[in-house]
Amino acid sequence: MTGEHSVGDADRMGRRLAAALNPGPGGVRVALATAVAVALALALSSVLVALTGGSPGRAVKALYDGSLANPSAISSTLLYAAPLLLVAVGTCVCVRAGVFNLGQEGQVLIGALAGAAVGLRLAVPGPALLVIAMVAAALAGGAWAGISSLMHRFRGVNIVVSTLLMTFLAQQLVSFAVNTEWLLQETRRGGATVSPQSNRLPENGLLGSFGEYPGLQINGGLLLAVLAAVVIAVLIARSRWGFRLTMLGLNPRAARHAGVRVAALSGTALAVSGAFAGLAGAVLLTSPVGTNRLQQGLSNNIGWDGLLVALVARNRPLAAIPVALLFGVLRSGGGFLASTGVPHFLVDVVKSLLVLAFVVPPVLTEALRRRREGRGAATDADVPAAEPKEAVAS
């Protein structure tokens, strides 16, 4: 009986795996439905802007001015896109394995905390300090996510709940570090009042930028994020590790029968997700997007928005690149909305509507497809089987 179940599980998993790797013609319907949903989301956003007393045209212009109008605005958009993309790439890995990590916000903070501790405590010359800080941030973020994996393995704690609650613990740890003089609080000079933040990282611990066009600066964090997205996409599509990861996400029981070490692979996927979030924290800390100091609000919802980027990209690392740029536009241009009389929180509403517009159509299309298949199977079951010719002749 067990063999029959395992064969059936493997067969179903094989069909689902083939569908995941080779989407059928239904993708055209999904694309059209998504385009309609995005148009409706933008129309509803315009209505909301008008209801708050603003002008939709001025709001769009403000977003454009703050994100794409000039080289400086484009540089700001690219700076925000880098950590968003890193978080999204890590999320793609864990979701592909069927593991849902909701603690990216805390893992970003822990990565920044580790990067700041290394960058400020180690006297390492040259760019080696930056490399060590980045590695420390990635390891810290991965270890922080790994705690949830261990709690699930040995105590049965739900990963979704534990990763989410670990975020609040991470916030308290960062707050304690930047408010404690012997840890990472900035150095008190004379009788000056100190703020809840660390000292500024040394110059050799910061990510550099380059660009030939005047005013346009492309930070090294963006190149790192794009490279990570390409590498992870290739590994998922072409490597045995990626195949096992996909197999685990589609059917854990069949994956176990196929020889996959489910606990180890799922724990690794969660740790990789945390490592990318920690690396995003290091990018926030060392790039010009911030003050290059560890602060309590350093993450600034980058973890949550990175999770949304992966959701909109349907957990495809390469698709996350343009989506991260779109969210970078919304972040960079959102600050300009105040000049038009539109509340800043409306940017979050627009992001939520766009997420729904990209996520709902595929879900509805899949649900309708399964419903049609279910009806077809029921109809076939109701049709009586044809009698054998011998019986008819007799």
Protein backbone atom coordinates (compact mmCIF):
# COMPACT_ATOMS: atom_id res chain seq x y z
CA MET A 1 0.00 0.00 0.00
CA THR A 2 2.85 2.35 0.84
CA GLY A 3 4.44 1.67 -2.51
CA GLU A 4 1.21 2.51 -4.32
CA HIS A 5 0.93 5.78 -2.42
CA SER A 6 4.55 6.69 -3.14
CA VAL A 7 4.17 5.93 -6.86
CA GLY A 8 0.98 8.01 -7.00
CA ASP A 9 2.66 10.88 -5.13
CA ALA A 10 5.65 10.77 -7.47
CA ASP A 11 3.38 10.72 -10.52
CA ARG A 12 1.37 13.72 -9.33
CA MET A 13 4.52 15.55 -8.34
CA GLY A 14 6.03 14.87 -11.77
CA ARG A 15 3.03 16.39 -13.51
CA ARG A 16 3.11 19.45 -11.25
CA LEU A 17 6.86 19.81 -11.73
CA ALA A 18 6.45 19.67 -15.51
CA ALA A 19 3.71 22.29 -15.32
CA ALA A 20 5.89 24.52 -13.16
CA LEU A 21 8.87 24.28 -15.52
CA ASN A 22 6.85 24.41 -18.76
CA PRO A 23 3.81 26.67 -18.41
CA GLY A 24 1.13 26.00 -20.98
CA PRO A 25 -0.98 28.26 -23.19
CA GLY A 26 -2.96 29.38 -20.14
CA GLY A 27 -0.12 31.85 -19.55
CA VAL A 28 -1.58 34.13 -22.23
CA ARG A 29 -4.89 34.31 -20.38
CA VAL A 30 -3.04 35.04 -17.14
CA ALA A 31 -1.05 37.84 -18.83
CA LEU A 32 -4.21 39.45 -20.23
CA ALA A 33 -6.03 39.18 -16.90
CA THR A 34 -3.01 40.66 -15.12
CA ALA A 35 -2.88 43.61 -17.54
CA VAL A 36 -6.57 44.33 -16.91
CA ALA A 37 -6.08 44.03 -13.14
CA VAL A 38 -3.11 46.42 -13.19
CA ALA A 39 -5.14 48.95 -15.19
CA LEU A 40 -7.98 48.68 -12.66
CA ALA A 41 -5.50 49.08 -9.77
CA LEU A 42 -4.06 52.25 -11.31
CA ALA A 43 -7.55 53.62 -11.98
CA LEU A 44 -8.57 52.92 -8.37
CA SER A 45 -5.37 54.59 -7.17
CA SER A 46 -6.28 57.71 -9.16
CA VAL A 47 -9.73 57.74 -7.57
CA LEU A 48 -8.20 57.47 -4.09
CA VAL A 49 -5.82 60.35 -4.83
CA ALA A 50 -8.75 62.48 -5.98
CA LEU A 51 -10.77 61.58 -2.87
CA THR A 52 -7.93 62.74 -0.60
CA GLY A 53 -8.00 66.15 -2.26
CA GLY A 54 -5.03 65.65 -4.56
CA SER A 55 -4.63 65.70 -8.30
CA PRO A 56 -3.87 62.32 -9.95
CA GLY A 57 -1.85 64.05 -12.64
CA ARG A 58 0.25 65.97 -10.13
CA ALA A 59 0.72 62.81 -8.05
CA VAL A 60 2.06 60.89 -11.04
CA LYS A 61 4.35 63.79 -11.91
CA ALA A 62 5.62 63.91 -8.32
CA LEU A 63 6.42 60.19 -8.42
CA TYR A 64 8.23 60.70 -11.71
CA ASP A 65 10.17 63.74 -10.46
CA GLY A 66 11.32 61.86 -7.37
CA SER A 67 12.33 58.65 -9.10
CA LEU A 68 13.09 59.04 -12.81
CA ALA A 69 13.19 62.72 -13.78
CA ASN A 70 16.94 63.23 -13.49
CA PRO A 71 20.13 61.26 -12.85
CA SER A 72 20.01 61.98 -9.13
CA ALA A 73 16.46 60.62 -8.86
CA ILE A 74 17.37 57.53 -10.90
CA SER A 75 20.34 56.93 -8.61
CA SER A 76 18.03 57.04 -5.60
CA THR A 77 15.66 54.54 -7.23
CA LEU A 78 18.51 52.15 -7.96
CA LEU A 79 19.77 52.46 -4.38
CA TYR A 80 16.40 51.35 -3.02
CA ALA A 81 16.02 48.58 -5.60
CA ALA A 82 19.22 46.80 -4.52
CA PRO A 83 18.20 45.68 -0.98
CA LEU A 84 14.64 45.00 -2.17
CA LEU A 85 15.97 42.63 -4.83
CA LEU A 86 18.26 40.82 -2.38
CA VAL A 87 15.39 40.15 0.02
CA ALA A 88 13.19 39.01 -2.88
CA VAL A 89 15.82 36.58 -4.22
CA GLY A 90 16.14 34.93 -0.82
CA THR A 91 12.37 34.71 -0.54
CA CYS A 92 12.20 32.99 -3.93
CA VAL A 93 14.55 30.28 -2.64
CA CYS A 94 12.60 29.43 0.51
CA VAL A 95 9.17 29.61 -1.14
CA ARG A 96 10.41 27.32 -3.91
CA ALA A 97 11.09 24.77 -1.17
CA GLY A 98 7.63 25.24 0.34
CA VAL A 99 9.00 27.15 3.35
CA PHE A 100 7.41 30.51 4.15
CA ASN A 101 9.68 33.05 5.80
CA LEU A 102 7.94 36.14 7.18
CA GLY A 103 10.87 37.43 9.22
CA GLN A 104 12.88 39.23 6.53
CA GLU A 105 12.47 42.57 8.29
CA GLY A 106 14.18 41.25 11.40
CA GLN A 107 16.84 39.41 9.40
CA VAL A 108 17.69 42.67 7.61
CA LEU A 109 18.23 44.31 11.00
CA ILE A 110 20.35 41.45 12.33
CA GLY A 111 22.49 41.56 9.19
CA ALA A 112 23.00 45.31 9.61
CA LEU A 113 23.82 44.78 13.30
CA ALA A 114 26.50 42.20 12.49
CA GLY A 115 27.89 44.33 9.66
CA ALA A 116 28.13 47.38 11.92
CA ALA A 117 29.79 45.40 14.72
CA VAL A 118 32.44 44.03 12.35
CA GLY A 119 32.93 47.30 10.48
CA LEU A 120 33.41 49.33 13.65
CA ARG A 121 35.39 46.83 15.77
CA LEU A 122 37.84 45.39 13.25
CA ALA A 123 40.81 47.44 12.12
CA VAL A 124 41.19 45.89 8.67
CA PRO A 125 42.78 47.98 5.91
CA GLY A 126 41.43 48.36 2.40
CA PRO A 127 38.25 46.85 0.91
CA ALA A 128 38.76 43.67 2.95
CA LEU A 129 36.77 45.34 5.75
CA LEU A 130 33.75 45.73 3.47
CA VAL A 131 33.98 42.11 2.34
CA ILE A 132 34.22 40.84 5.92
CA ALA A 133 31.28 43.01 7.00
CA MET A 134 29.16 41.70 4.11
CA VAL A 135 30.00 38.08 4.91
CA ALA A 136 29.29 38.63 8.61
CA ALA A 137 25.91 40.18 7.78
CA ALA A 138 24.94 37.28 5.52
CA LEU A 139 26.00 34.69 8.10
CA ALA A 140 24.13 36.52 10.87
CA GLY A 141 20.94 36.77 8.83
CA GLY A 142 21.16 33.09 7.89
CA ALA A 143 21.80 32.05 11.49
CA TRP A 144 18.88 34.18 12.70
CA ALA A 145 16.54 32.45 10.24
CA GLY A 146 18.13 29.11 11.14
CA ILE A 147 16.92 29.50 14.72
CA SER A 148 13.34 29.22 13.45
CA SER A 149 14.29 26.12 11.50
CA LEU A 150 15.74 24.52 14.64
CA MET A 151 12.66 25.42 16.69
CA HIS A 152 10.49 23.77 14.06
CA ARG A 153 12.73 20.70 13.90
CA PHE A 154 13.03 20.02 17.63
CA ARG A 155 9.97 21.69 19.16
CA GLY A 156 7.46 21.73 16.32
CA VAL A 157 7.13 25.54 16.31
CA ASN A 158 5.45 26.85 13.18
CA ILE A 159 8.03 28.53 10.93
CA VAL A 160 5.68 31.27 9.72
CA VAL A 161 4.87 32.29 13.29
CA SER A 162 8.41 32.01 14.64
CA THR A 163 10.07 33.97 11.83
CA LEU A 164 7.48 36.72 12.21
CA LEU A 165 7.88 36.96 16.00
CA MET A 166 11.68 36.88 15.74
CA THR A 167 11.40 40.22 13.94
CA PHE A 168 10.31 41.95 17.14
CA LEU A 169 13.20 40.39 19.03
CA ALA A 170 15.60 41.66 16.37
CA GLN A 171 14.22 45.17 16.74
CA GLN A 172 14.83 45.06 20.49
CA LEU A 173 18.38 43.77 20.03
CA VAL A 174 19.26 46.60 17.65
CA SER A 175 17.66 49.12 20.00
CA PHE A 176 19.69 47.77 22.91
CA ALA A 177 22.92 47.84 20.89
CA VAL A 178 22.60 51.47 19.77
CA ASN A 179 21.50 52.65 23.22
CA THR A 180 24.29 50.94 25.16
CA GLU A 181 27.57 52.80 25.41
CA TRP A 182 29.81 49.74 25.60
CA LEU A 183 28.17 48.14 22.58
CA LEU A 184 27.48 50.22 19.47
CA GLN A 185 26.22 53.58 20.69
CA GLU A 186 28.04 56.48 19.08
CA THR A 187 31.02 57.86 20.95
CA ARG A 188 30.25 60.67 23.37
CA ARG A 189 32.49 63.66 22.74
CA GLY A 190 32.73 66.01 25.70
CA GLY A 191 29.30 66.78 27.08
CA ALA A 192 27.51 66.37 23.77
CA THR A 193 24.25 64.47 23.67
CA VAL A 194 24.48 61.17 21.83
CA SER A 195 21.77 59.72 19.63
CA PRO A 196 20.53 56.10 19.54
CA GLN A 197 22.80 55.18 16.65
CA SER A 198 26.30 53.87 16.02
CA ASN A 199 29.34 55.72 14.79
CA ARG A 200 29.68 56.11 11.05
CA LEU A 201 31.45 53.24 9.32
CA PRO A 202 34.96 53.99 8.05
CA GLU A 203 35.34 54.84 4.38
CA ASN A 204 36.94 51.50 3.47
CA GLY A 205 33.86 49.76 4.86
CA LEU A 206 31.41 51.48 2.49
CA LEU A 207 30.10 50.35 -0.90
CA GLY A 208 31.41 52.45 -3.74
CA SER A 209 29.46 53.89 -6.66
CA PHE A 210 30.45 54.53 -10.23
CA GLY A 211 28.96 56.17 -13.30
CA GLU A 212 30.15 58.07 -16.33
CA TYR A 213 27.01 60.15 -16.85
CA PRO A 214 27.11 63.27 -14.61
CA GLY A 215 24.94 62.82 -11.53
CA LEU A 216 24.09 59.16 -12.22
CA GLN A 217 25.67 56.86 -9.68
CA ILE A 218 25.24 53.08 -9.80
CA ASN A 219 26.05 51.62 -6.40
CA GLY A 220 27.89 48.33 -6.03
CA GLY A 221 24.93 46.94 -4.07
CA LEU A 222 22.78 46.88 -7.21
CA LEU A 223 25.39 44.91 -9.14
CA LEU A 224 25.61 42.45 -6.23
CA ALA A 225 21.82 42.06 -6.15
CA VAL A 226 21.47 41.52 -9.91
CA LEU A 227 24.32 39.00 -9.87
CA ALA A 228 22.65 37.15 -6.99
CA ALA A 229 19.36 37.02 -8.90
CA VAL A 230 21.03 35.58 -12.01
CA VAL A 231 23.02 32.99 -10.06
CA ILE A 232 20.03 31.80 -8.04
CA ALA A 233 17.86 31.64 -11.19
CA VAL A 234 20.46 29.45 -12.92
CA LEU A 235 20.86 27.21 -9.87
CA ILE A 236 17.12 26.72 -9.52
CA ALA A 237 16.64 25.95 -13.21
CA ARG A 238 19.80 23.96 -13.98
CA SER A 239 21.26 22.39 -10.85
CA ARG A 240 20.37 19.25 -8.94
CA TRP A 241 19.96 21.39 -5.82
CA GLY A 242 17.38 23.54 -7.60
CA PHE A 243 15.53 20.47 -8.90
CA ARG A 244 15.35 19.00 -5.41
CA LEU A 245 14.25 22.35 -4.04
CA THR A 246 11.35 22.48 -6.52
CA MET A 247 10.50 18.84 -5.87
CA LEU A 248 10.35 19.51 -2.13
CA GLY A 249 8.04 22.47 -2.61
CA LEU A 250 5.66 20.53 -4.84
CA ASN A 251 5.35 17.38 -2.74
CA PRO A 252 7.46 16.81 0.41
CA ARG A 253 6.30 13.21 0.84
CA ALA A 254 7.24 12.22 -2.70
CA ALA A 255 10.52 14.13 -2.35
CA ARG A 256 11.32 12.10 0.75
CA HIS A 257 10.61 8.85 -1.11
CA ALA A 258 12.95 10.09 -3.87
CA GLY A 259 15.79 10.36 -1.36
CA VAL A 260 15.64 14.08 -0.55
CA ARG A 261 16.61 14.95 3.02
CA VAL A 262 13.56 17.11 3.63
CA ALA A 263 14.52 18.61 7.00
CA ALA A 264 18.04 19.51 5.90
CA LEU A 265 16.99 20.98 2.56
CA SER A 266 14.11 23.03 3.96
CA GLY A 267 16.34 24.31 6.76
CA THR A 268 19.01 25.26 4.23
CA ALA A 269 16.45 27.10 2.09
CA LEU A 270 15.29 29.10 5.11
CA ALA A 271 18.88 29.92 6.09
CA VAL A 272 19.67 31.04 2.52
CA SER A 273 16.64 33.32 2.61
CA GLY A 274 17.84 34.81 5.89
CA ALA A 275 21.36 35.21 4.51
CA PHE A 276 20.11 37.27 1.56
CA ALA A 277 18.03 39.42 3.91
CA GLY A 278 21.08 39.93 6.14
CA LEU A 279 23.09 40.89 3.07
CA ALA A 280 20.37 43.43 2.22
CA GLY A 281 20.87 44.88 5.70
CA ALA A 282 24.58 45.27 5.01
CA VAL A 283 23.81 47.01 1.70
CA LEU A 284 21.50 49.43 3.51
CA LEU A 285 24.21 50.10 6.06
CA THR A 286 27.09 50.62 3.65
CA SER A 287 25.44 52.33 0.68
CA PRO A 288 24.50 56.03 0.33
CA VAL A 289 20.80 55.22 0.80
CA GLY A 290 21.28 55.77 4.55
CA THR A 291 23.63 57.54 6.95
CA ASN A 292 26.09 54.60 7.10
CA ARG A 293 25.22 54.22 10.77
CA LEU A 294 23.28 51.48 12.53
CA GLN A 295 19.92 52.93 13.59
CA GLN A 296 16.72 51.44 14.96
CA GLY A 297 14.72 52.29 11.84
CA LEU A 298 17.41 51.29 9.37
CA SER A 299 15.35 48.53 7.75
CA ASN A 300 12.51 50.98 6.97
CA ASN A 301 10.18 48.13 5.88
CA ILE A 302 12.67 46.91 3.27
CA GLY A 303 12.06 43.36 4.48
CA TRP A 304 8.31 43.58 4.04
CA ASP A 305 8.56 45.26 0.64
CA GLY A 306 11.12 42.69 -0.52
CA LEU A 307 8.64 39.97 0.38
CA LEU A 308 6.04 41.74 -1.76
CA VAL A 309 8.53 41.96 -4.64
CA ALA A 310 8.94 38.18 -4.57
CA LEU A 311 5.17 37.75 -4.36
CA VAL A 312 4.54 39.95 -7.41
CA ALA A 313 7.36 38.23 -9.30
CA ARG A 314 5.71 34.87 -8.52
CA ASN A 315 8.93 33.67 -6.88
CA ARG A 316 11.03 33.99 -10.04
CA PRO A 317 14.41 35.62 -9.31
CA LEU A 318 14.84 37.16 -12.77
CA ALA A 319 11.30 38.55 -12.78
CA ALA A 320 12.07 40.11 -9.40
CA ILE A 321 14.58 42.49 -11.03
CA PRO A 322 12.04 44.73 -12.84
CA VAL A 323 9.59 44.40 -9.94
CA ALA A 324 12.26 45.61 -7.51
CA LEU A 325 12.88 48.58 -9.81
CA LEU A 326 9.15 49.37 -9.77
CA PHE A 327 9.07 49.28 -5.97
CA GLY A 328 12.22 51.39 -5.94
CA VAL A 329 10.36 53.98 -8.03
CA LEU A 330 7.50 54.01 -5.53
CA ARG A 331 9.89 54.36 -2.60
CA SER A 332 12.08 57.04 -4.16
CA GLY A 333 9.18 59.07 -5.55
CA GLY A 334 6.90 58.61 -2.55
CA GLY A 335 8.56 61.42 -0.64
CA PHE A 336 7.58 63.89 -3.35
CA LEU A 337 3.86 63.21 -2.91
CA ALA A 338 3.63 65.51 0.10
CA SER A 339 4.17 68.47 -2.22
CA THR A 340 0.93 67.59 -4.01
CA GLY A 341 -1.16 67.31 -0.86
CA VAL A 342 -1.39 63.52 -1.07
CA PRO A 343 -0.70 61.60 2.16
CA HIS A 344 2.54 59.63 2.03
CA PHE A 345 0.81 56.46 3.23
CA LEU A 346 -1.10 56.37 -0.05
CA VAL A 347 2.07 54.97 -1.64
CA ASP A 348 1.61 51.87 0.52
CA VAL A 349 -2.00 51.63 -0.66
CA VAL A 350 -0.85 51.80 -4.30
CA LYS A 351 1.74 49.08 -3.63
CA SER A 352 -0.93 46.88 -2.06
CA LEU A 353 -3.24 47.33 -5.04
CA LEU A 354 -0.44 46.48 -7.47
CA VAL A 355 0.42 43.36 -5.46
CA LEU A 356 -3.20 42.22 -5.64
CA ALA A 357 -3.32 43.01 -9.35
CA PHE A 358 -0.32 40.78 -10.04
CA VAL A 359 -1.19 37.97 -7.62
CA VAL A 360 -4.95 37.49 -7.94
CA PRO A 361 -5.26 36.73 -11.71
CA PRO A 362 -2.96 33.66 -11.67
CA VAL A 363 -4.72 32.31 -8.58
CA LEU A 364 -8.17 32.78 -10.09
CA THR A 365 -7.09 31.30 -13.42
CA GLU A 366 -5.68 28.21 -11.69
CA ALA A 367 -8.82 27.83 -9.56
CA LEU A 368 -11.07 28.03 -12.64
CA ARG A 369 -8.90 25.51 -14.48
CA ARG A 370 -9.11 23.03 -11.63
CA ARG A 371 -12.84 23.54 -11.40
CA ARG A 372 -13.28 22.81 -15.11
CA GLU A 373 -11.10 19.71 -14.81
CA GLY A 374 -13.14 18.57 -11.82
CA ARG A 375 -16.38 18.98 -13.73
CA GLY A 376 -14.92 17.13 -16.71
CA ALA A 377 -13.83 14.25 -14.50
CA ALA A 378 -17.27 14.08 -12.88
CA THR A 379 -18.96 14.05 -16.30
CA ASP A 380 -16.73 11.22 -17.50
CA ALA A 381 -17.55 9.25 -14.37
CA ASP A 382 -21.31 9.61 -14.97
CA VAL A 383 -21.13 8.23 -18.55
CA PRO A 384 -21.77 4.44 -18.51
CA ALA A 385 -19.05 2.30 -19.97
CA ALA A 386 -19.75 0.72 -23.36
CA GLU A 387 -20.81 -2.91 -23.20
CA PRO A 388 -18.47 -5.50 -24.68
CA LYS A 389 -19.30 -6.57 -28.23
CA GLU A 390 -19.69 -10.18 -27.14
CA ALA A 391 -22.42 -9.20 -24.68
CA VAL A 392 -24.24 -7.19 -27.33
CA ALA A 393 -24.12 -10.04 -29.81
CA SER A 394 -25.56 -12.48 -27.31
